[in-house]
Amino acid sequence: MTACNLVPFGNSPADYQAFVETPVADKIGVSELIEQRRIFTAPNGVPVLVLDIGISKSKVRILSGDAVGRAGWTSTDFLVR
């Protein structure tokens, strides 16, 4: 699976914001966020339950796959019906 097929999730709004502020080319910075368990990824299109919807980011619970049951914050733009 390529990186463009993965959606990032932060464990908190601050964790997601740290990811957003990390330049895409800074692979070490992104790896550190993952190693610190501040962010995780799930495949694009994975079913989610929306827990809190916001203008720029929303909290969701992953409903299938490797991250099933995990809750995290992601860009509201990633959400589709």
C-alpha atoms as a PDB file:
ATOM      1  CA  MET A   1       0.000   0.000   0.000  1.00  0.00           C
ATOM      2  CA  THR A   2       1.453   3.376  -0.929  1.00  0.00           C
ATOM      3  CA  ALA A   3       1.502   6.363   1.385  1.00  0.00           C
ATOM      4  CA  CYS A   4      -1.103   8.201  -0.701  1.00  0.00           C
ATOM      5  CA  ASN A   5      -3.559   5.383   0.082  1.00  0.00           C
ATOM      6  CA  LEU A   6      -3.233   5.927   3.834  1.00  0.00           C
ATOM      7  CA  VAL A   7      -5.092   8.450   5.978  1.00  0.00           C
ATOM      8  CA  PRO A   8      -3.334   9.896   9.049  1.00  0.00           C
ATOM      9  CA  PHE A   9      -5.057  10.021  12.449  1.00  0.00           C
ATOM     10  CA  GLY A  10      -3.862  11.767  15.598  1.00  0.00           C
ATOM     11  CA  ASN A  11      -4.623  10.436  19.055  1.00  0.00           C
ATOM     12  CA  SER A  12      -5.590  13.974  20.060  1.00  0.00           C
ATOM     13  CA  PRO A  13      -6.273  17.222  18.208  1.00  0.00           C
ATOM     14  CA  ALA A  14      -2.766  18.380  19.217  1.00  0.00           C
ATOM     15  CA  ASP A  15      -1.189  15.181  17.847  1.00  0.00           C
ATOM     16  CA  TYR A  16      -2.995  15.595  14.538  1.00  0.00           C
ATOM     17  CA  GLN A  17      -1.921  19.244  14.393  1.00  0.00           C
ATOM     18  CA  ALA A  18       1.707  18.194  14.977  1.00  0.00           C
ATOM     19  CA  PHE A  19       1.381  15.896  11.954  1.00  0.00           C
ATOM     20  CA  VAL A  20      -0.146  18.675   9.818  1.00  0.00           C
ATOM     21  CA  GLU A  21       2.702  21.011  10.749  1.00  0.00           C
ATOM     22  CA  THR A  22       5.397  18.430   9.869  1.00  0.00           C
ATOM     23  CA  PRO A  23       6.595  18.915   6.280  1.00  0.00           C
ATOM     24  CA  VAL A  24       5.751  15.957   4.018  1.00  0.00           C
ATOM     25  CA  ALA A  25       9.403  15.643   3.020  1.00  0.00           C
ATOM     26  CA  ASP A  26      10.408  15.263   6.704  1.00  0.00           C
ATOM     27  CA  LYS A  27      10.113  11.478   6.797  1.00  0.00           C
ATOM     28  CA  ILE A  28      12.096  11.333  10.049  1.00  0.00           C
ATOM     29  CA  GLY A  29       9.675  13.761  11.719  1.00  0.00           C
ATOM     30  CA  VAL A  30       6.670  11.719  10.588  1.00  0.00           C
ATOM     31  CA  SER A  31       8.371   8.484  11.704  1.00  0.00           C
ATOM     32  CA  GLU A  32       8.987  10.015  15.138  1.00  0.00           C
ATOM     33  CA  LEU A  33       5.281  10.872  15.491  1.00  0.00           C
ATOM     34  CA  ILE A  34       4.408   7.267  14.612  1.00  0.00           C
ATOM     35  CA  GLU A  35       7.055   5.807  16.962  1.00  0.00           C
ATOM     36  CA  GLN A  36       5.786   8.065  19.779  1.00  0.00           C
ATOM     37  CA  ARG A  37       2.313   6.681  19.030  1.00  0.00           C
ATOM     38  CA  ARG A  38       0.994  10.191  18.461  1.00  0.00           C
ATOM     39  CA  ILE A  39      -0.339   9.313  14.997  1.00  0.00           C
ATOM     40  CA  PHE A  40      -1.452   6.178  13.193  1.00  0.00           C
ATOM     41  CA  THR A  41      -2.749   5.422   9.713  1.00  0.00           C
ATOM     42  CA  ALA A  42      -5.598   3.490   8.155  1.00  0.00           C
ATOM     43  CA  PRO A  43      -6.396   2.749   4.520  1.00  0.00           C
ATOM     44  CA  ASN A  44      -8.281   5.398   2.568  1.00  0.00           C
ATOM     45  CA  GLY A  45     -11.946   4.393   2.475  1.00  0.00           C
ATOM     46  CA  VAL A  46     -11.922   2.423   5.738  1.00  0.00           C
ATOM     47  CA  PRO A  47     -15.364   2.591   7.402  1.00  0.00           C
ATOM     48  CA  VAL A  48     -15.522   4.944  10.392  1.00  0.00           C
ATOM     49  CA  LEU A  49     -18.029   6.129  12.946  1.00  0.00           C
ATOM     50  CA  VAL A  50     -17.953   9.918  13.295  1.00  0.00           C
ATOM     51  CA  LEU A  51     -17.745  10.825  16.993  1.00  0.00           C
ATOM     52  CA  ASP A  52     -17.203  14.588  16.705  1.00  0.00           C
ATOM     53  CA  ILE A  53     -17.328  16.568  13.461  1.00  0.00           C
ATOM     54  CA  GLY A  54     -15.570  19.876  13.060  1.00  0.00           C
ATOM     55  CA  ILE A  55     -14.826  22.335  10.301  1.00  0.00           C
ATOM     56  CA  SER A  56     -11.189  21.309   9.822  1.00  0.00           C
ATOM     57  CA  LYS A  57     -10.788  18.072  11.810  1.00  0.00           C
ATOM     58  CA  SER A  58     -13.087  15.386  13.160  1.00  0.00           C
ATOM     59  CA  LYS A  59     -12.839  12.549  15.665  1.00  0.00           C
ATOM     60  CA  VAL A  60     -13.731   9.102  14.317  1.00  0.00           C
ATOM     61  CA  ARG A  61     -13.611   5.456  15.397  1.00  0.00           C
ATOM     62  CA  ILE A  62     -12.166   2.961  12.904  1.00  0.00           C
ATOM     63  CA  LEU A  63     -14.640   0.130  12.197  1.00  0.00           C
ATOM     64  CA  SER A  64     -12.477  -2.400  10.317  1.00  0.00           C
ATOM     65  CA  GLY A  65      -8.930  -3.396   9.440  1.00  0.00           C
ATOM     66  CA  ASP A  66      -5.757  -3.344  11.523  1.00  0.00           C
ATOM     67  CA  ALA A  67      -6.797  -0.219  13.454  1.00  0.00           C
ATOM     68  CA  VAL A  68     -10.328  -1.445  14.274  1.00  0.00           C
ATOM     69  CA  GLY A  69     -11.640   0.118  17.470  1.00  0.00           C
ATOM     70  CA  ARG A  70      -9.095   2.936  17.555  1.00  0.00           C
ATOM     71  CA  ALA A  71     -10.353   6.497  17.796  1.00  0.00           C
ATOM     72  CA  GLY A  72      -8.457   9.422  16.357  1.00  0.00           C
ATOM     73  CA  TRP A  73      -8.606  12.853  14.808  1.00  0.00           C
ATOM     74  CA  THR A  74      -8.249  13.448  11.081  1.00  0.00           C
ATOM     75  CA  SER A  75      -9.037  16.074   8.471  1.00  0.00           C
ATOM     76  CA  THR A  76     -12.766  16.496   7.921  1.00  0.00           C
ATOM     77  CA  ASP A  77     -11.914  16.615   4.205  1.00  0.00           C
ATOM     78  CA  PHE A  78     -11.132  12.866   4.344  1.00  0.00           C
ATOM     79  CA  LEU A  79     -14.691  12.017   5.382  1.00  0.00           C
ATOM     80  CA  VAL A  80     -17.113  10.923   2.668  1.00  0.00           C
ATOM     81  CA  ARG A  81     -20.574   9.413   2.813  1.00  0.00           C
END
